[in-house]
Every structure is written in structure tokens, then in C-alpha cells.
Amino acid sequence: MTALFVGVVKENTPGERRVALVPDVVGRVSGCGFEVLVEAGAGSAAWFPDGAYAEAGAAIVTRDDLFARADVVLTVGQPEAGTPASLRAGQTLVGLLQPLRNPGVMAELAAAGVTAVSLDGLPRTLSRAQAMDALTSQANVAGYKAVLVAADAYSRYFPMLMTSAGTVRPAEVLVLGAGVAGLAAIGTAHRLGALVRGYDVRPQARGEIESLGASFLDLAEVASGAGQGGYARDLTADELVAQQEALATAVARHDVVITTAQVPGHRPPLLVTEKTIKMMRPGSVIVDLAASALGGNVELSVPGRPVVTDNGVTVIGADNLPTEIPSAASAVYARNILALLEYLSRDGQLRIDTTDEIQAGIVITHDGQVVHPATAELVAESKERE
């Protein structure tokens, strides 16, 4: 049986510097029975030169050649404009495709006969899926980087310092949301010497926050927001108002606030209002990790650029921080991809089975159909509106 070709494309989305495979992983992918093709320059923005891929056993090819020869196309982010037209029936596209945000593209991929596999649909509560969990690996990177971004924008020290000129108090940092990114931010801010507090609507997060050296922010007025699969649930309109009001005073007394709260498939909850920002001290910094075109956790955040308010608060809409640490982010993502290929393949061939518990979450299109239920529902709604 002829081995399949796995192709690594160069990301062309503005600002995206990650790559789907790194040279260290190429040999292990080949060990699964695949031949690896890498588009020329695919890893250059993450400091992985073509020569390193070639030494690892990959063939360096043009983009057109890659799409023509590859059976499996690996990407990091969602498909770029025109990608479905570049693919052919029988090919498989793998990446963080964000199908719930791009149902139209998923419909195009299905119509083209492409199997789309999206890692952001992975059932994260299954222990056997952890090695493939790209959302977790990238959220870890984002949480770490968020603290460095905040420290760079903050005009004072993070740690307490004892100097001949007197004692400098530590920065007070509040992290809203104790998922993977939030916990990474809490741990990093604590290691930098800040006085850290964490908050989450899920009561079980208290132990995780405190284990990292931070204090848990109690908001007695807010109901539990624990949802299924370890995620937070959507709060009701009344619960959101109560949460915003309870958070306002706490947010205002902190020097740095990092927000990380997201609900899969939905608009991020609004946690910090413009009114709250006006209560903060000049020089304070907010980093909104949930900033996106759909909105974020912070009312004034703009994806991709900082905003300085009239009262001197810097609001940073950090929509894609992993790409700012491209080498590290690519390395862990590549291991997620390797684990996925190992799981899906037998003797160098992909075995797609949507009855499998893991594949049911990540296989979006197959055999000319949108097979992922939530995505299929969005596609159907879109067609009805047309």
C-alpha cells in the first residue's frame, strides 16, 4: 500500500508566524508511515529553516506542488480565503479550523469532497485525547505571554523590591477565568513576584488558583457557572449583570487585569465594562485574551491593538498571543498533530470513523457531507437565511 503524503503549508494569515510541524517531529511523522512535504519557507517565521526540515527527511516543495501531491494538508489556523478551491476530493485538511465560526467554509470543503479535521472540537475530558489537545497547548502559551505583555505595558515593577530609596510595593494582578490560559497567567505573574488573585465562576477552580500561590477572589453575589466538560456555562442576562457589578470594585483596585473567559461556540462574556475601566487608576493595564471579532471580555478592547483611555488605562486586545512566541507554540502544536496522526492512522493510511468518540468531535466534513452536528446545524441555518 502506497504511503500517504502529509503536507505542511506556510501560514499566510497576516501576523501568523506558527507552523504546523517542526523539524524535530518530522521523523516521527515519517515513522507513522507518511511522507512529509513542507512548503518552502513554511517554518521561517518561527525560526525553522527549510534546511532543518530537509535534514529531518522532509521534501521542500512549492505551494502548488504541495496541494497537488499531499493527501493530508496540515495548517495551524482556520482556512485562508480560497483554500477550499485549492483542495481536491479525497484530501484531508487538519488544523484549528474554527468550524462554528466558519460554517460557510466548512460547507465548501464538504462540497469539494474534503475531509476536514478540526482540533478545536476535541473532547477535552477524555484522557486519551490529551496529547492531541491543541487548544490547551496554545492556551498555555497565551496565558504565559499575556503576563509578559502586561508587564511590558505596566509602568512599574511587578515584584516587591527593597531598595536604598525605599520599598516598592508589588503589582496587584487579577486574572479573570481559571481555565488553562488563566492558570498559566496566574503562575507566571506569581513567579514574577506580583500579588495575584484569580476568579472563576466555577467553584472547583479555587483549589487550582490557590495551588499556584494566588488568592481566590470571592464574589458571593454571583451564582456558580460550572458547565459541562469542565467549561463554564453561559450565564443568564441577570447573572451577567450581577457578575459585572460585583467585579467592578475588585477590578478597580488592581494594577493589572488579565481576562481569559470564553465559552466554546459563543460570544465571550463581558466582564469589564467601560464604567468599570473609568474607575481604575491611571497606569493600570488590562489584557483581554478573549478579544475577537465576536467581542471580548472587556468593553473597550480592540483585537490586535492597544487602546489608552482618557483616564490613562491601557486596554490590550490580545487576540492571538501564541503567534508571538512562534517557536514554542509551533513545537507543542506539532506534537499535538503527531498524536492526532498516530491516532487516526494505521499502516500509513487514515482511518476516519465518525462513530469513534474522539473523531465524532473533530471530524467536521467527510464523504461530501458536514458530519459534525453543531456545524451542520449552522450550515442549515445559513442556507435557510439565503
Protein backbone atom coordinates (compact mmCIF):
# COMPACT_ATOMS: atom_id res chain seq x y z
CA MET A 1 0.00 0.00 0.00
CA THR A 2 1.42 3.40 -1.00
CA ALA A 3 2.18 5.73 1.89
CA LEU A 4 0.24 8.98 2.13
CA PHE A 5 1.86 12.39 1.70
CA VAL A 6 1.43 14.85 4.57
CA GLY A 7 1.90 18.48 3.53
CA VAL A 8 2.81 21.40 5.81
CA VAL A 9 1.63 24.72 4.36
CA LYS A 10 3.04 28.15 5.04
CA GLU A 11 0.54 30.22 7.01
CA ASN A 12 -0.43 33.36 5.07
CA THR A 13 -2.83 34.91 7.57
CA PRO A 14 -1.44 38.36 8.49
CA GLY A 15 0.59 38.17 11.69
CA GLU A 16 0.56 34.37 11.90
CA ARG A 17 4.09 33.05 12.49
CA ARG A 18 3.44 29.48 13.65
CA VAL A 19 3.89 26.34 11.58
CA ALA A 20 2.03 23.04 11.87
CA LEU A 21 5.09 20.77 12.07
CA VAL A 22 8.61 21.44 13.32
CA PRO A 23 11.73 19.57 12.15
CA ASP A 24 12.05 17.58 15.39
CA VAL A 25 8.66 15.96 14.73
CA VAL A 26 9.12 15.22 11.01
CA GLY A 27 10.99 11.99 11.65
CA ARG A 28 8.27 10.71 13.99
CA VAL A 29 5.57 11.51 11.43
CA SER A 30 7.60 9.60 8.86
CA GLY A 31 7.76 6.76 11.36
CA CYS A 32 3.98 6.53 11.19
CA GLY A 33 4.32 5.63 7.51
CA PHE A 34 3.80 9.09 5.98
CA GLU A 35 5.96 11.03 3.52
CA VAL A 36 6.33 14.66 4.61
CA LEU A 37 6.16 17.64 2.24
CA VAL A 38 6.92 21.14 3.50
CA GLU A 39 6.11 24.31 1.57
CA ALA A 40 9.24 26.40 1.10
CA GLY A 41 9.52 28.95 3.90
CA ALA A 42 6.74 27.38 5.97
CA GLY A 43 8.75 27.48 9.20
CA SER A 44 10.91 30.54 8.59
CA ALA A 45 8.78 32.93 10.68
CA ALA A 46 9.15 30.53 13.63
CA TRP A 47 12.92 30.19 13.05
CA PHE A 48 12.75 26.73 11.49
CA PRO A 49 14.66 26.97 8.17
CA ASP A 50 13.97 24.79 5.15
CA GLY A 51 17.36 23.11 5.62
CA ALA A 52 16.33 21.79 9.04
CA TYR A 53 13.24 20.17 7.52
CA ALA A 54 15.29 18.67 4.70
CA GLU A 55 17.79 17.22 7.18
CA ALA A 56 14.87 15.68 9.08
CA GLY A 57 13.74 13.90 5.91
CA ALA A 58 11.05 16.22 4.51
CA ALA A 59 10.84 17.29 0.87
CA ILE A 60 10.73 21.06 0.33
CA VAL A 61 8.15 21.92 -2.35
CA THR A 62 6.22 24.84 -3.81
CA ARG A 63 2.70 25.61 -2.59
CA ASP A 64 1.11 24.40 -5.83
CA ASP A 65 3.11 21.19 -5.70
CA LEU A 66 2.10 20.61 -2.10
CA PHE A 67 -1.62 20.93 -2.79
CA ALA A 68 -1.28 18.71 -5.84
CA ARG A 69 0.59 15.89 -4.06
CA ALA A 70 -0.47 15.99 -0.40
CA ASP A 71 -3.13 13.60 0.84
CA VAL A 72 -3.23 15.33 4.22
CA VAL A 73 -2.75 19.11 4.46
CA LEU A 74 -1.68 20.46 7.84
CA THR A 75 -2.38 24.03 8.92
CA VAL A 76 -2.44 25.95 12.17
CA GLY A 77 -5.36 28.33 11.87
CA GLN A 78 -8.62 28.47 10.03
CA PRO A 79 -8.54 28.04 6.23
CA GLU A 80 -7.48 31.10 4.30
CA ALA A 81 -9.65 32.54 1.54
CA GLY A 82 -9.54 30.29 -1.48
CA THR A 83 -8.27 27.22 0.38
CA PRO A 84 -11.28 25.02 -0.47
CA ALA A 85 -10.69 25.69 -4.17
CA SER A 86 -7.06 24.56 -3.80
CA LEU A 87 -8.06 21.19 -2.38
CA ARG A 88 -9.40 18.14 -4.18
CA ALA A 89 -11.82 15.38 -3.32
CA GLY A 90 -10.28 12.80 -1.02
CA GLN A 91 -7.82 15.16 0.64
CA THR A 92 -7.88 15.78 4.38
CA LEU A 93 -7.38 19.21 5.94
CA VAL A 94 -6.21 19.29 9.57
CA GLY A 95 -5.94 22.34 11.83
CA LEU A 96 -7.69 24.62 14.29
CA LEU A 97 -10.39 25.33 11.73
CA GLN A 98 -12.96 27.05 13.99
CA PRO A 99 -15.91 25.41 12.22
CA LEU A 100 -18.54 27.10 14.38
CA ARG A 101 -17.23 30.48 13.24
CA ASN A 102 -16.80 29.38 9.63
CA PRO A 103 -19.77 27.18 8.71
CA GLY A 104 -19.76 28.52 5.14
CA VAL A 105 -16.17 27.40 4.60
CA MET A 106 -16.97 24.00 6.09
CA ALA A 107 -19.85 23.66 3.62
CA GLU A 108 -17.43 24.49 0.77
CA LEU A 109 -14.97 21.86 1.99
CA ALA A 110 -17.76 19.27 2.15
CA ALA A 111 -18.90 20.15 -1.35
CA ALA A 112 -15.32 19.72 -2.58
CA GLY A 113 -15.17 16.24 -1.06
CA VAL A 114 -12.55 17.24 1.52
CA THR A 115 -12.39 15.66 4.97
CA ALA A 116 -11.94 18.49 7.48
CA VAL A 117 -10.49 17.62 10.89
CA SER A 118 -10.57 20.43 13.45
CA LEU A 119 -8.63 20.05 16.69
CA ASP A 120 -10.71 22.69 18.46
CA GLY A 121 -13.58 20.17 18.66
CA LEU A 122 -11.56 17.65 20.66
CA PRO A 123 -13.41 16.16 23.68
CA ARG A 124 -11.06 17.56 26.31
CA THR A 125 -12.38 15.45 29.18
CA LEU A 126 -11.07 12.21 27.63
CA SER A 127 -7.63 11.34 29.00
CA ARG A 128 -6.64 9.56 25.77
CA ALA A 129 -7.23 12.79 23.85
CA GLN A 130 -4.91 14.94 25.96
CA ALA A 131 -1.85 14.54 23.73
CA MET A 132 -3.86 15.95 20.80
CA ASP A 133 -5.27 18.90 22.76
CA ALA A 134 -4.05 21.87 20.74
CA LEU A 135 -6.41 24.30 22.46
CA THR A 136 -4.72 23.52 25.76
CA SER A 137 -1.19 23.73 24.38
CA GLN A 138 -1.85 27.08 22.73
CA ALA A 139 -3.76 28.44 25.73
CA ASN A 140 -0.76 27.68 27.93
CA VAL A 141 1.42 29.75 25.63
CA ALA A 142 -1.15 32.56 25.52
CA GLY A 143 -1.51 32.75 29.30
CA TYR A 144 2.24 32.97 29.77
CA LYS A 145 2.67 35.62 27.09
CA ALA A 146 -0.28 37.67 28.40
CA VAL A 147 1.62 38.37 31.60
CA LEU A 148 4.73 39.45 29.71
CA VAL A 149 2.61 41.75 27.54
CA ALA A 150 1.01 43.24 30.65
CA ALA A 151 4.35 43.67 32.43
CA ASP A 152 5.77 45.43 29.38
CA ALA A 153 2.84 47.86 29.25
CA TYR A 154 2.77 48.44 33.02
CA SER A 155 4.94 51.39 34.02
CA ARG A 156 6.00 49.98 37.40
CA TYR A 157 7.58 46.82 38.81
CA PHE A 158 5.75 43.53 39.23
CA PRO A 159 7.70 42.28 42.31
CA MET A 160 8.14 43.97 45.66
CA LEU A 161 11.63 45.48 45.82
CA MET A 162 13.64 46.55 48.86
CA THR A 163 15.96 49.35 47.74
CA SER A 164 18.06 52.05 49.35
CA ALA A 165 15.42 54.51 48.19
CA GLY A 166 12.69 52.59 49.99
CA THR A 167 10.35 49.67 49.43
CA VAL A 168 8.48 49.32 46.16
CA ARG A 169 5.13 47.56 46.56
CA PRO A 170 4.32 44.65 44.26
CA ALA A 171 1.83 44.99 41.45
CA GLU A 172 -1.61 43.62 42.23
CA VAL A 173 -2.74 41.35 39.39
CA LEU A 174 -6.23 39.95 38.90
CA VAL A 175 -6.81 37.09 36.45
CA LEU A 176 -10.42 36.52 35.42
CA GLY A 177 -11.02 32.96 34.29
CA ALA A 178 -9.09 29.97 35.60
CA GLY A 179 -9.02 27.74 32.56
CA VAL A 180 -5.73 26.72 31.02
CA ALA A 181 -4.77 30.24 29.90
CA GLY A 182 -5.84 31.77 33.19
CA LEU A 183 -3.87 29.31 35.28
CA ALA A 184 -0.80 29.83 33.09
CA ALA A 185 -1.17 33.59 33.60
CA ILE A 186 -1.59 33.19 37.36
CA GLY A 187 1.51 31.03 37.65
CA THR A 188 3.61 33.38 35.52
CA ALA A 189 2.50 36.52 37.37
CA HIS A 190 3.23 34.84 40.70
CA ARG A 191 6.72 33.83 39.55
CA LEU A 192 7.36 37.45 38.54
CA GLY A 193 6.63 38.47 42.13
CA ALA A 194 3.22 40.10 41.76
CA LEU A 195 0.44 39.82 44.31
CA VAL A 196 -2.02 37.67 42.37
CA ARG A 197 -5.72 36.98 42.71
CA GLY A 198 -7.79 34.74 40.48
CA TYR A 199 -11.51 34.47 39.81
CA ASP A 200 -13.70 31.93 38.06
CA VAL A 201 -17.43 31.23 38.07
CA ARG A 202 -16.66 27.55 38.63
CA PRO A 203 -16.23 26.93 42.39
CA GLN A 204 -13.89 24.00 41.76
CA ALA A 205 -11.33 26.44 40.33
CA ARG A 206 -10.50 27.74 43.82
CA GLY A 207 -8.11 24.89 44.58
CA GLU A 208 -6.28 25.26 41.27
CA ILE A 209 -5.86 29.01 41.76
CA GLU A 210 -4.59 28.68 45.31
CA SER A 211 -2.20 25.87 44.37
CA LEU A 212 -0.34 28.37 42.16
CA GLY A 213 0.23 30.83 45.01
CA ALA A 214 -2.66 33.17 44.25
CA SER A 215 -5.72 34.10 46.28
CA PHE A 216 -9.23 33.24 45.14
CA LEU A 217 -11.49 36.26 44.65
CA ASP A 218 -14.82 35.52 46.31
CA LEU A 219 -17.91 37.09 44.77
CA ALA A 220 -20.78 35.88 46.92
CA GLU A 221 -23.33 37.65 44.73
CA VAL A 222 -22.52 35.53 41.66
CA ALA A 223 -24.06 32.09 41.10
CA SER A 224 -21.97 29.09 40.10
CA GLY A 225 -21.26 29.00 36.40
CA ALA A 226 -19.95 25.46 36.16
CA GLY A 227 -20.90 23.80 32.87
CA GLN A 228 -20.28 20.52 31.09
CA GLY A 229 -16.89 19.16 30.12
CA GLY A 230 -15.01 21.38 32.57
CA TYR A 231 -16.08 24.57 30.78
CA ALA A 232 -18.06 27.45 32.20
CA ARG A 233 -21.69 27.69 31.11
CA ASP A 234 -23.40 30.72 29.62
CA LEU A 235 -24.68 32.96 32.42
CA THR A 236 -28.16 34.41 32.19
CA ALA A 237 -28.58 38.13 31.50
CA ASP A 238 -29.33 38.79 35.18
CA GLU A 239 -26.34 36.72 36.29
CA LEU A 240 -24.07 38.65 33.92
CA VAL A 241 -25.22 41.99 35.34
CA ALA A 242 -24.67 40.74 38.89
CA GLN A 243 -21.22 39.48 37.93
CA GLN A 244 -20.21 42.77 36.29
CA GLU A 245 -21.37 44.78 39.31
CA ALA A 246 -19.56 42.51 41.76
CA LEU A 247 -16.37 42.55 39.71
CA ALA A 248 -16.30 46.33 39.25
CA THR A 249 -14.93 47.16 42.69
CA ALA A 250 -12.41 44.33 42.60
CA VAL A 251 -11.14 45.21 39.13
CA ALA A 252 -10.74 48.88 40.02
CA ARG A 253 -8.32 48.19 42.88
CA HIS A 254 -5.90 46.13 40.78
CA ASP A 255 -2.97 47.39 38.74
CA VAL A 256 -3.17 44.69 36.09
CA VAL A 257 -6.20 42.69 34.96
CA ILE A 258 -5.96 39.73 32.59
CA THR A 259 -9.22 38.31 31.25
CA THR A 260 -9.42 34.82 29.75
CA ALA A 261 -13.08 33.76 29.96
CA GLN A 262 -14.54 32.06 26.89
CA VAL A 263 -17.49 29.78 26.19
CA PRO A 264 -16.95 27.47 23.18
CA GLY A 265 -19.05 28.45 20.20
CA HIS A 266 -20.42 31.60 21.81
CA ARG A 267 -19.52 35.24 22.27
CA PRO A 268 -17.13 35.68 25.22
CA PRO A 269 -18.85 37.01 28.35
CA LEU A 270 -18.47 40.73 29.01
CA LEU A 271 -16.71 41.02 32.37
CA VAL A 272 -15.19 44.51 32.43
CA THR A 273 -17.40 47.38 31.31
CA GLU A 274 -16.37 50.86 30.26
CA LYS A 275 -17.82 52.14 33.52
CA THR A 276 -15.51 49.83 35.45
CA ILE A 277 -12.48 50.91 33.41
CA LYS A 278 -13.20 54.52 34.33
CA MET A 279 -12.86 53.53 37.99
CA MET A 280 -9.31 52.20 37.53
CA ARG A 281 -6.14 54.12 38.40
CA PRO A 282 -4.06 55.81 35.67
CA GLY A 283 -1.31 53.49 34.50
CA SER A 284 -3.39 50.35 35.02
CA VAL A 285 -3.28 47.67 32.33
CA ILE A 286 -5.92 45.26 31.04
CA VAL A 287 -5.08 42.37 28.70
CA ASP A 288 -8.14 40.79 27.08
CA LEU A 289 -7.24 37.29 25.91
CA ALA A 290 -10.79 36.73 24.69
CA ALA A 291 -10.69 39.67 22.26
CA SER A 292 -12.02 38.70 18.83
CA ALA A 293 -14.26 39.88 16.05
CA LEU A 294 -17.17 38.49 18.09
CA GLY A 295 -16.26 40.69 21.05
CA GLY A 296 -14.24 40.11 24.19
CA ASN A 297 -14.33 40.18 27.97
CA VAL A 298 -13.54 43.91 28.03
CA GLU A 299 -15.84 46.52 26.57
CA LEU A 300 -13.17 48.77 25.04
CA SER A 301 -10.76 46.10 23.77
CA VAL A 302 -9.91 46.07 20.07
CA PRO A 303 -8.38 42.87 18.66
CA GLY A 304 -4.74 43.29 17.77
CA ARG A 305 -4.00 46.73 19.16
CA PRO A 306 -3.80 48.62 22.48
CA VAL A 307 -6.21 51.39 23.44
CA VAL A 308 -5.33 54.03 26.05
CA THR A 309 -8.40 55.51 27.70
CA ASP A 310 -8.90 59.11 28.76
CA ASN A 311 -8.17 58.15 32.37
CA GLY A 312 -4.87 56.50 31.45
CA VAL A 313 -5.78 52.81 31.40
CA THR A 314 -4.16 50.68 28.69
CA VAL A 315 -6.54 48.06 27.25
CA ILE A 316 -4.85 45.42 25.08
CA GLY A 317 -6.96 43.18 22.86
CA ALA A 318 -4.67 40.15 22.67
CA ASP A 319 -6.41 38.01 20.07
CA ASN A 320 -3.58 35.63 19.04
CA LEU A 321 -0.72 35.67 21.52
CA PRO A 322 0.69 32.21 20.69
CA THR A 323 1.93 33.54 17.37
CA GLU A 324 4.14 35.99 19.30
CA ILE A 325 6.09 33.01 20.68
CA PRO A 326 6.10 31.07 17.41
CA SER A 327 8.92 28.61 18.10
CA ALA A 328 7.47 27.37 21.39
CA ALA A 329 3.87 27.45 20.19
CA SER A 330 4.74 25.57 16.99
CA ALA A 331 6.73 22.93 18.88
CA VAL A 332 3.83 21.97 21.15
CA TYR A 333 1.29 22.22 18.33
CA ALA A 334 3.41 19.89 16.21
CA ARG A 335 3.31 17.30 18.99
CA ASN A 336 -0.50 17.63 19.06
CA ILE A 337 -0.57 17.00 15.31
CA LEU A 338 1.74 13.99 15.68
CA ALA A 339 -0.54 12.49 18.35
CA LEU A 340 -3.54 13.04 16.08
CA LEU A 341 -1.89 11.38 13.08
CA GLU A 342 -0.85 8.45 15.26
CA TYR A 343 -4.43 8.10 16.48
CA LEU A 344 -6.06 8.34 13.05
CA SER A 345 -3.61 6.22 11.06
CA ARG A 346 -3.00 2.54 10.52
CA ASP A 347 -0.04 1.48 8.36
CA GLY A 348 0.34 4.94 6.85
CA GLN A 349 -3.37 5.32 6.00
CA LEU A 350 -6.01 7.47 7.69
CA ARG A 351 -8.97 5.63 9.18
CA ILE A 352 -11.90 8.02 9.52
CA ASP A 353 -14.63 6.69 11.79
CA THR A 354 -17.19 9.21 12.99
CA THR A 355 -18.63 6.69 15.46
CA ASP A 356 -15.38 6.93 17.41
CA GLU A 357 -15.82 9.19 20.45
CA ILE A 358 -12.85 11.41 19.64
CA GLN A 359 -13.40 11.56 15.90
CA ALA A 360 -17.05 12.49 16.42
CA GLY A 361 -15.84 15.77 17.92
CA ILE A 362 -13.10 16.63 15.43
CA VAL A 363 -14.24 15.32 12.03
CA ILE A 364 -16.28 18.17 10.57
CA THR A 365 -16.75 17.09 6.96
CA HIS A 366 -16.41 13.69 5.31
CA ASP A 367 -17.70 11.93 2.19
CA GLY A 368 -19.19 15.14 0.83
CA GLN A 369 -21.20 15.95 3.97
CA VAL A 370 -20.91 18.20 7.01
CA VAL A 371 -20.98 15.42 9.60
CA HIS A 372 -20.38 17.43 12.77
CA PRO A 373 -23.87 18.07 14.21
CA ALA A 374 -23.34 21.59 15.59
CA THR A 375 -21.62 22.75 12.39
CA ALA A 376 -24.26 21.08 10.21
CA GLU A 377 -26.95 22.96 12.13
CA LEU A 378 -25.23 26.28 11.47
CA VAL A 379 -24.83 25.42 7.79
CA ALA A 380 -28.53 24.59 7.54
CA GLU A 381 -29.49 27.86 9.27
CA SER A 382 -27.26 29.78 6.87
CA LYS A 383 -28.93 28.16 3.85
CA GLU A 384 -32.38 28.96 5.22
CA ARG A 385 -31.45 32.64 5.54
CA GLU A 386 -30.32 32.65 1.91
